[in-house]
Amino acid sequence: MLAHKHSMKAYNISKHHNFYTVGLNYKKADATTRGKFSLTGENIAALLAQAKVGGIDGLLVNSTCNRTELHGFAEHPFQLIKLLCDNTNGSIDEFQNVAYVHKNYNAINHLFRVGTGLDSQILGDFEIISQLKKSFARSKELGLTNHFLERLLNAIIQASKRIKNETEISSGATSVAFASVQYILARVSNISNKNILLFGTGKIGRNTCENLIKHTKNSHITLINRTREKAEKIAGRFHLIVKNYTDLAQELKKTDVLIVATGAQEPTIYKELIPADKQMHILDLSIPKNVDENVEDHPEVTLVHLDHLSVVTDKTLERRKKYIPQANEIINEVKDEFIQWLETRKFAPTIKALRDKLQDMKDAELDFQRKKMQDFNSEQAEIISNRIIQKITTQFANHLKSSPGGADASIDLIQKVFQIDNSSNE
């Protein structure tokens, strides 16, 4: 019985079992605050382990430079908020200042918008889908996913693919990498001859680097990473020069453009590392910030953080806005199918219990008639009875499907009339 109740929870939203999204993003939380709530791989592993022990039976954790969100089933959203605050440097008070909490259908809506790039800092950024897939795989390993989450994620992936193929919302280059290159091209003259240093191998840094090579025709970009092997792997793909981490101070003396994507929890670049009279553009593409703001004490240094780059708007991004209504139509179409499935899952156990109840009534009645009638044809009676039961249950199922808003009241009524105990049926 307990095992069954647990598996039913995996399928639907019920009175005592709600699906929540708790999180914060670039809209209300600045880079410093997002940094406090950002989660490393280790933090996520610890959070998921804690959730499993705490009885959470479905959870996705998503932490990017623009947002940190937990999507999962809980009796109260505070369970999820506490998990987040326990595993980051942020406090509950700080979280409440910038946070949002979405419940059930609002949470589903939110996840559709996030997963299709409509809620991204740069409209039409589809990188979030691969991050959501990674979140799912991580949770699945620990047994923290369920049929609901899998079906929801697949629906979001489907909507995302359709928006990509049927609209031009992602036309032109996308994401912060694009904004970074736009920034550099606009402000650094003669870029193909400048010394560019990529410090760290964060995803945004790598994408920026790839875009820079494409647009600047610069063939002497240097890469430094704490782990040299990782640096060499990436350098090989992009034809970069690799230097040792110990060469950082030396390299900074000749760097014109520095791109920082180290993913460290504390600043890795600070003013003492940069020669006093050095002219340099520094792009900090990390959350939390990896460049100390004190580098701006040098008059020739220009520091730009991810958040500044993300608001770079140009004709391409303006053009994308035209496709939002079309994207919304696709989302609604796919989401409606998901909601219909969800509603069906909600009453499936009641319909099954009703069918079982009618079968019991039929079996008892046929047994009675068998004893009473001499030439009773059991086979024909079975066929007719089963067809009637099928027609009755289909009628009930159609009624529940056609009035999703009143499904709860109808389910209660069916359970009362037929004396069905839903906790005991499959």
Protein backbone atom coordinates (compact mmCIF):
# COMPACT_ATOMS: atom_id res chain seq x y z
CA MET A 1 0.00 0.00 0.00
CA LEU A 2 2.76 2.46 0.91
CA ALA A 3 4.73 1.59 -2.19
CA HIS A 4 1.66 2.27 -4.28
CA LYS A 5 0.94 5.66 -2.71
CA HIS A 6 4.54 6.65 -3.41
CA SER A 7 4.29 5.63 -7.05
CA MET A 8 1.03 7.52 -7.51
CA LYS A 9 2.68 10.65 -6.17
CA ALA A 10 5.22 10.21 -8.92
CA TYR A 11 2.49 10.71 -11.50
CA ASN A 12 0.46 13.67 -10.43
CA ILE A 13 -0.22 16.72 -8.39
CA SER A 14 -2.61 16.09 -5.51
CA LYS A 15 -4.02 17.99 -2.55
CA HIS A 16 -1.10 16.96 -0.34
CA HIS A 17 1.60 16.67 -2.94
CA ASN A 18 2.54 19.81 -4.84
CA PHE A 19 5.07 20.55 -7.54
CA TYR A 20 7.12 23.67 -6.73
CA THR A 21 9.75 25.82 -8.37
CA VAL A 22 11.82 27.88 -5.95
CA GLY A 23 14.63 30.05 -7.24
CA LEU A 24 16.13 33.37 -8.19
CA ASN A 25 17.36 34.81 -11.46
CA TYR A 26 18.97 37.83 -13.14
CA LYS A 27 15.70 39.83 -13.06
CA LYS A 28 15.81 40.58 -9.33
CA ALA A 29 19.12 39.13 -8.13
CA ASP A 30 22.37 40.88 -9.11
CA ALA A 31 25.55 38.95 -9.89
CA THR A 32 26.79 39.12 -6.27
CA THR A 33 23.55 37.67 -4.90
CA ARG A 34 23.40 35.02 -7.63
CA GLY A 35 26.98 34.16 -6.74
CA LYS A 36 25.97 33.45 -3.15
CA PHE A 37 23.31 31.00 -4.33
CA SER A 38 25.28 29.39 -7.15
CA LEU A 39 25.84 25.65 -6.81
CA THR A 40 28.96 23.74 -7.79
CA GLY A 41 28.77 20.08 -8.83
CA GLU A 42 29.73 19.07 -5.28
CA ASN A 43 27.06 21.31 -3.76
CA ILE A 44 24.42 19.80 -6.05
CA ALA A 45 25.47 16.24 -5.12
CA ALA A 46 25.20 17.13 -1.41
CA LEU A 47 21.84 18.85 -1.91
CA LEU A 48 20.38 15.86 -3.80
CA ALA A 49 21.66 13.41 -1.18
CA GLN A 50 20.06 15.54 1.54
CA ALA A 51 16.78 15.68 -0.43
CA LYS A 52 16.70 11.90 -0.76
CA VAL A 53 17.17 11.40 2.98
CA GLY A 54 14.55 14.10 3.62
CA GLY A 55 11.90 12.17 1.69
CA ILE A 56 11.75 14.39 -1.43
CA ASP A 57 10.68 12.02 -4.23
CA GLY A 58 11.29 14.13 -7.33
CA LEU A 59 13.75 17.01 -7.74
CA LEU A 60 15.66 18.83 -10.51
CA VAL A 61 18.42 21.27 -9.56
CA ASN A 62 19.51 23.85 -12.11
CA SER A 63 22.32 26.35 -11.46
CA THR A 64 23.65 28.60 -14.24
CA CYS A 65 25.16 32.09 -14.32
CA ASN A 66 21.69 33.58 -14.74
CA ARG A 67 19.63 31.52 -12.30
CA THR A 68 19.54 28.92 -9.56
CA GLU A 69 16.33 26.91 -9.34
CA LEU A 70 14.96 23.81 -7.64
CA HIS A 71 11.98 22.08 -9.25
CA GLY A 72 10.42 19.34 -7.17
CA PHE A 73 7.65 17.74 -5.18
CA ALA A 74 7.23 18.79 -1.56
CA GLU A 75 4.55 19.29 1.06
CA HIS A 76 5.78 22.86 1.53
CA PRO A 77 8.14 25.03 -0.59
CA PHE A 78 10.23 25.81 2.50
CA GLN A 79 11.64 22.25 2.30
CA LEU A 80 13.20 23.19 -1.05
CA ILE A 81 14.25 26.70 0.07
CA LYS A 82 16.02 25.20 3.08
CA LEU A 83 17.84 22.67 0.88
CA LEU A 84 19.10 25.53 -1.31
CA CYS A 85 20.21 27.75 1.58
CA ASP A 86 21.87 24.84 3.44
CA ASN A 87 24.08 24.09 0.44
CA THR A 88 25.04 27.60 -0.66
CA ASN A 89 26.50 30.76 0.90
CA GLY A 90 23.15 32.52 0.83
CA SER A 91 20.78 33.02 3.76
CA ILE A 92 17.01 32.54 3.86
CA ASP A 93 16.54 36.31 4.36
CA GLU A 94 18.64 37.13 1.29
CA PHE A 95 16.77 34.51 -0.71
CA GLN A 96 13.36 35.89 0.24
CA ASN A 97 14.36 39.37 -0.95
CA VAL A 98 14.91 38.25 -4.53
CA ALA A 99 13.17 34.88 -4.82
CA TYR A 100 10.12 33.48 -6.52
CA VAL A 101 8.05 30.43 -5.64
CA HIS A 102 5.75 28.87 -8.23
CA LYS A 103 3.28 26.10 -7.45
CA ASN A 104 1.80 23.30 -9.60
CA TYR A 105 0.54 24.64 -12.96
CA ASN A 106 2.41 27.95 -12.48
CA ALA A 107 5.60 25.97 -11.84
CA ILE A 108 4.98 23.95 -15.01
CA ASN A 109 4.43 27.20 -16.98
CA HIS A 110 7.63 28.67 -15.58
CA LEU A 111 9.72 25.62 -16.48
CA PHE A 112 8.35 25.69 -20.04
CA ARG A 113 9.41 29.35 -20.39
CA VAL A 114 12.85 28.68 -18.93
CA GLY A 115 13.45 25.57 -21.03
CA THR A 116 12.45 27.26 -24.29
CA GLY A 117 14.70 30.31 -23.85
CA LEU A 118 11.85 32.81 -23.33
CA ASP A 119 13.00 33.54 -19.79
CA SER A 120 16.71 33.73 -20.68
CA GLN A 121 18.73 36.88 -20.14
CA ILE A 122 19.35 36.86 -23.87
CA LEU A 123 16.14 35.89 -25.65
CA GLY A 124 16.34 32.66 -27.63
CA ASP A 125 19.32 31.21 -25.75
CA PHE A 126 18.80 27.45 -26.01
CA GLU A 127 21.75 26.34 -23.89
CA ILE A 128 19.39 25.86 -20.95
CA ILE A 129 17.99 22.65 -22.50
CA SER A 130 21.30 20.79 -22.22
CA GLN A 131 21.59 22.03 -18.62
CA LEU A 132 18.10 20.70 -17.81
CA LYS A 133 18.97 17.34 -19.39
CA LYS A 134 22.10 17.21 -17.23
CA SER A 135 20.02 18.05 -14.12
CA PHE A 136 17.64 15.21 -14.94
CA ALA A 137 20.46 12.68 -15.49
CA ARG A 138 22.04 13.68 -12.15
CA SER A 139 18.75 13.25 -10.26
CA LYS A 140 17.92 10.01 -12.07
CA GLU A 141 21.18 8.44 -10.86
CA LEU A 142 20.01 8.98 -7.29
CA GLY A 143 16.45 7.81 -7.91
CA LEU A 144 15.13 11.36 -7.53
CA THR A 145 13.21 11.52 -10.79
CA ASN A 146 9.79 10.14 -11.62
CA HIS A 147 7.44 9.72 -14.55
CA PHE A 148 6.00 13.22 -14.08
CA LEU A 149 9.43 14.93 -14.30
CA GLU A 150 10.50 12.76 -17.24
CA ARG A 151 7.31 13.46 -19.16
CA LEU A 152 7.52 17.19 -18.35
CA LEU A 153 11.15 17.47 -19.46
CA ASN A 154 10.40 15.60 -22.70
CA ALA A 155 7.51 17.99 -23.40
CA ILE A 156 9.80 21.00 -22.82
CA ILE A 157 12.47 19.50 -25.12
CA GLN A 158 9.77 18.99 -27.78
CA ALA A 159 8.55 22.61 -27.44
CA SER A 160 12.14 23.88 -27.57
CA LYS A 161 12.88 21.93 -30.78
CA ARG A 162 9.71 23.17 -32.42
CA ILE A 163 10.43 26.81 -31.50
CA LYS A 164 13.97 26.42 -32.87
CA ASN A 165 12.71 24.90 -36.13
CA GLU A 166 9.46 26.81 -36.67
CA THR A 167 10.45 30.33 -35.55
CA GLU A 168 13.49 32.55 -35.94
CA ILE A 169 13.75 33.36 -32.25
CA SER A 170 17.29 32.02 -32.15
CA SER A 171 18.40 33.54 -35.46
CA GLY A 172 21.85 35.06 -35.42
CA ALA A 173 24.45 34.22 -32.79
CA THR A 174 23.09 33.62 -29.31
CA SER A 175 23.92 34.01 -25.64
CA VAL A 176 26.51 35.89 -23.65
CA ALA A 177 29.28 34.61 -25.90
CA PHE A 178 27.71 36.60 -28.73
CA ALA A 179 27.32 39.71 -26.55
CA SER A 180 30.96 39.41 -25.41
CA VAL A 181 32.28 39.34 -28.95
CA GLN A 182 30.03 42.26 -29.93
CA TYR A 183 31.45 44.20 -26.98
CA ILE A 184 35.08 43.43 -27.89
CA LEU A 185 34.60 44.19 -31.60
CA ALA A 186 32.96 47.52 -30.78
CA ARG A 187 35.60 48.70 -28.30
CA VAL A 188 38.94 47.15 -29.23
CA SER A 189 40.40 48.34 -32.50
CA ASN A 190 42.69 46.18 -34.60
CA ILE A 191 41.58 43.12 -32.59
CA SER A 192 43.21 40.57 -34.91
CA ASN A 193 46.64 41.79 -33.76
CA LYS A 194 45.85 42.07 -30.04
CA ASN A 195 46.89 39.61 -27.34
CA ILE A 196 43.83 37.82 -25.98
CA LEU A 197 44.07 35.66 -22.85
CA LEU A 198 41.34 33.21 -21.82
CA PHE A 199 41.72 32.33 -18.14
CA GLY A 200 39.64 29.29 -17.16
CA THR A 201 37.62 26.84 -19.21
CA GLY A 202 34.05 27.72 -18.21
CA LYS A 203 31.46 27.02 -20.91
CA ILE A 204 30.68 30.69 -21.64
CA GLY A 205 34.41 31.44 -21.85
CA ARG A 206 34.93 28.61 -24.33
CA ASN A 207 31.97 29.75 -26.46
CA THR A 208 33.24 33.34 -26.41
CA CYS A 209 36.64 32.10 -27.47
CA GLU A 210 35.19 30.10 -30.36
CA ASN A 211 33.20 33.17 -31.50
CA LEU A 212 36.27 35.40 -31.17
CA ILE A 213 38.33 33.14 -33.42
CA LYS A 214 35.50 33.15 -35.97
CA HIS A 215 34.93 36.92 -35.96
CA THR A 216 38.35 38.42 -35.22
CA LYS A 217 40.63 36.15 -37.28
CA ASN A 218 42.96 36.31 -34.27
CA SER A 219 45.29 33.32 -34.33
CA HIS A 220 47.26 33.97 -31.13
CA ILE A 221 44.77 33.54 -28.29
CA THR A 222 46.36 32.12 -25.13
CA LEU A 223 44.61 29.81 -22.66
CA ILE A 224 45.53 29.31 -19.01
CA ASN A 225 43.74 26.90 -16.70
CA ARG A 226 44.61 25.49 -13.27
CA THR A 227 44.51 22.00 -14.80
CA ARG A 228 46.79 22.03 -17.84
CA GLU A 229 45.33 18.80 -19.34
CA LYS A 230 41.87 20.38 -19.51
CA ALA A 231 43.37 23.46 -21.15
CA GLU A 232 45.21 21.37 -23.76
CA LYS A 233 42.06 19.47 -24.62
CA ILE A 234 40.20 22.71 -25.40
CA ALA A 235 43.23 24.39 -26.98
CA GLY A 236 43.53 21.55 -29.47
CA ARG A 237 39.98 22.13 -30.67
CA PHE A 238 40.40 25.90 -31.04
CA HIS A 239 44.11 26.06 -31.95
CA LEU A 240 45.08 28.09 -28.90
CA ILE A 241 48.42 28.57 -27.18
CA VAL A 242 48.51 26.96 -23.72
CA LYS A 243 50.53 28.42 -20.85
CA ASN A 244 50.93 27.14 -17.29
CA TYR A 245 48.93 28.57 -14.40
CA THR A 246 52.23 29.76 -12.90
CA ASP A 247 52.75 31.95 -16.02
CA LEU A 248 49.59 33.99 -15.32
CA ALA A 249 51.28 37.13 -13.91
CA GLN A 250 53.83 37.10 -16.76
CA GLU A 251 51.12 36.72 -19.43
CA LEU A 252 49.00 39.54 -17.95
CA LYS A 253 51.87 41.97 -18.65
CA LYS A 254 51.27 41.58 -22.39
CA THR A 255 47.49 40.93 -22.47
CA ASP A 256 45.16 43.41 -24.19
CA VAL A 257 41.89 41.53 -23.65
CA LEU A 258 41.41 39.21 -20.70
CA ILE A 259 38.41 36.83 -20.58
CA VAL A 260 37.89 35.22 -17.19
CA ALA A 261 35.75 32.08 -16.89
CA THR A 262 37.31 30.18 -14.00
CA GLY A 263 34.20 29.15 -12.05
CA ALA A 264 35.98 29.76 -8.73
CA GLN A 265 34.03 30.74 -5.61
CA GLU A 266 36.44 33.64 -4.85
CA PRO A 267 38.06 36.24 -7.18
CA THR A 268 41.03 34.86 -9.11
CA ILE A 269 42.10 38.19 -10.69
CA TYR A 270 42.87 41.23 -8.53
CA LYS A 271 44.70 44.52 -9.02
CA GLU A 272 48.09 43.34 -7.71
CA LEU A 273 48.33 40.91 -10.66
CA ILE A 274 48.00 43.69 -13.27
CA PRO A 275 50.82 46.15 -14.04
CA ALA A 276 49.83 49.68 -12.96
CA ASP A 277 50.09 51.33 -16.39
CA LYS A 278 48.62 48.43 -18.38
CA GLN A 279 45.78 49.13 -20.78
CA MET A 280 43.36 46.22 -20.70
CA HIS A 281 39.76 45.18 -21.27
CA ILE A 282 38.64 42.52 -18.78
CA LEU A 283 35.50 40.47 -19.33
CA ASP A 284 34.37 38.57 -16.25
CA LEU A 285 32.07 35.81 -17.49
CA SER A 286 31.77 34.05 -14.12
CA ILE A 287 29.16 33.66 -11.37
CA PRO A 288 30.21 34.31 -8.66
CA LYS A 289 32.43 37.14 -9.93
CA ASN A 290 35.99 35.96 -10.48
CA VAL A 291 37.51 39.42 -10.99
CA ASP A 292 37.87 41.69 -7.97
CA GLU A 293 36.42 45.14 -8.60
CA ASN A 294 39.66 46.66 -7.26
CA VAL A 295 41.26 46.08 -10.72
CA GLU A 296 39.44 49.26 -11.73
CA ASP A 297 41.81 51.20 -9.46
CA HIS A 298 44.08 51.03 -12.51
CA PRO A 299 42.94 53.93 -14.72
CA GLU A 300 43.67 52.04 -17.97
CA VAL A 301 41.66 48.94 -17.05
CA THR A 302 38.03 48.52 -18.18
CA LEU A 303 36.12 45.79 -16.35
CA VAL A 304 32.87 44.43 -17.72
CA HIS A 305 30.84 41.74 -16.00
CA LEU A 306 28.46 39.15 -17.42
CA ASP A 307 25.42 41.20 -16.33
CA HIS A 308 26.51 44.25 -18.36
CA LEU A 309 27.10 42.08 -21.41
CA SER A 310 23.76 40.36 -21.09
CA VAL A 311 21.86 43.58 -21.63
CA VAL A 312 23.68 44.26 -24.89
CA THR A 313 20.80 44.62 -27.32
CA ASP A 314 21.21 44.99 -31.01
CA LYS A 315 19.04 44.58 -34.10
CA THR A 316 19.30 40.80 -33.90
CA LEU A 317 17.88 40.65 -30.39
CA GLU A 318 15.20 43.23 -31.18
CA ARG A 319 14.20 41.19 -34.22
CA ARG A 320 13.82 38.07 -32.10
CA LYS A 321 11.07 39.66 -30.00
CA LYS A 322 8.73 39.45 -33.00
CA TYR A 323 8.70 35.68 -32.64
CA ILE A 324 7.60 35.58 -28.99
CA PRO A 325 3.84 35.20 -29.80
CA GLN A 326 4.62 32.32 -32.18
CA ALA A 327 6.82 30.66 -29.52
CA ASN A 328 4.05 31.07 -26.94
CA GLU A 329 1.57 29.35 -29.26
CA ILE A 330 3.90 26.36 -29.60
CA ILE A 331 4.46 26.22 -25.83
CA ASN A 332 0.71 26.31 -25.14
CA GLU A 333 0.08 23.54 -27.65
CA VAL A 334 2.70 21.18 -26.16
CA LYS A 335 1.86 22.20 -22.60
CA ASP A 336 -1.86 21.48 -23.12
CA GLU A 337 -1.00 17.94 -24.21
CA PHE A 338 1.10 17.51 -21.06
CA ILE A 339 -1.68 18.89 -18.82
CA GLN A 340 -4.19 16.55 -20.45
CA TRP A 341 -1.91 13.60 -19.73
CA LEU A 342 -1.48 14.83 -16.17
CA GLU A 343 -5.22 15.15 -15.62
CA THR A 344 -5.70 11.63 -16.99
CA ARG A 345 -3.08 10.34 -14.57
CA LYS A 346 -4.95 12.05 -11.77
CA PHE A 347 -8.12 10.04 -12.22
CA ALA A 348 -6.65 6.83 -13.72
CA PRO A 349 -6.54 5.04 -10.32
CA THR A 350 -10.18 5.97 -9.61
CA ILE A 351 -11.33 4.63 -13.01
CA LYS A 352 -9.33 1.44 -12.43
CA ALA A 353 -10.84 1.07 -8.94
CA LEU A 354 -14.32 1.65 -10.41
CA ARG A 355 -13.70 -1.03 -13.05
CA ASP A 356 -12.51 -3.47 -10.34
CA LYS A 357 -15.59 -2.69 -8.22
CA LEU A 358 -17.95 -3.32 -11.16
CA GLN A 359 -16.06 -6.53 -11.99
CA ASP A 360 -16.59 -7.73 -8.39
CA MET A 361 -20.33 -6.92 -8.66
CA LYS A 362 -20.50 -8.76 -12.00
CA ASP A 363 -18.63 -11.84 -10.68
CA ALA A 364 -20.95 -12.08 -7.67
CA GLU A 365 -24.07 -11.67 -9.85
CA LEU A 366 -22.94 -14.24 -12.44
CA ASP A 367 -22.13 -16.74 -9.69
CA PHE A 368 -25.63 -16.22 -8.28
CA GLN A 369 -27.31 -16.65 -11.72
CA ARG A 370 -25.19 -19.71 -12.53
CA LYS A 371 -26.60 -21.50 -9.48
CA LYS A 372 -30.13 -20.27 -10.14
CA MET A 373 -30.49 -20.94 -13.90
CA GLN A 374 -30.20 -24.38 -15.41
CA ASP A 375 -29.03 -23.45 -18.95
CA PHE A 376 -27.04 -20.35 -17.94
CA ASN A 377 -24.48 -19.40 -20.66
CA SER A 378 -21.50 -18.08 -18.64
CA GLU A 379 -19.45 -17.24 -21.72
CA GLN A 380 -22.11 -14.98 -23.28
CA ALA A 381 -22.89 -13.36 -19.93
CA GLU A 382 -19.16 -12.57 -19.43
CA ILE A 383 -18.89 -10.94 -22.87
CA ILE A 384 -22.03 -8.80 -22.41
CA SER A 385 -21.16 -7.80 -18.80
CA ASN A 386 -17.59 -6.85 -19.72
CA ARG A 387 -18.80 -4.67 -22.59
CA ILE A 388 -21.27 -2.89 -20.28
CA ILE A 389 -18.52 -2.33 -17.67
CA GLN A 390 -16.24 -0.95 -20.40
CA LYS A 391 -18.99 1.45 -21.58
CA ILE A 392 -19.73 2.66 -18.02
CA THR A 393 -16.04 3.28 -17.15
CA THR A 394 -15.45 5.03 -20.52
CA GLN A 395 -18.42 7.30 -19.78
CA PHE A 396 -16.92 8.25 -16.41
CA ALA A 397 -13.44 8.73 -17.92
CA ASN A 398 -14.82 11.01 -20.66
CA HIS A 399 -16.70 13.05 -18.07
CA LEU A 400 -13.50 13.54 -16.02
CA LYS A 401 -11.47 14.43 -19.14
CA SER A 402 -14.01 17.00 -20.31
CA SER A 403 -14.14 18.84 -16.97
CA PRO A 404 -10.56 19.00 -15.62
CA GLY A 405 -11.49 21.90 -13.35
CA GLY A 406 -14.11 19.84 -11.50
CA ALA A 407 -12.22 16.54 -11.65
CA ASP A 408 -11.45 16.51 -7.90
CA ALA A 409 -15.13 16.86 -6.93
CA SER A 410 -16.16 14.19 -9.48
CA ILE A 411 -13.48 11.79 -8.23
CA ASP A 412 -14.69 12.28 -4.64
CA LEU A 413 -18.28 11.60 -5.73
CA ILE A 414 -17.36 8.41 -7.65
CA GLN A 415 -15.38 7.17 -4.64
CA LYS A 416 -18.34 7.83 -2.29
CA VAL A 417 -21.04 6.34 -4.55
CA PHE A 418 -19.08 3.16 -5.31
CA GLN A 419 -17.40 3.04 -1.89
CA ILE A 420 -13.92 3.04 -3.39
CA ASP A 421 -10.93 3.44 -1.09
CA ASN A 422 -8.40 5.05 -3.42
CA SER A 423 -5.47 4.41 -1.09
CA SER A 424 -5.80 0.69 -1.58
CA ASN A 425 -6.09 0.44 -5.33
CA GLU A 426 -3.39 0.39 -7.97
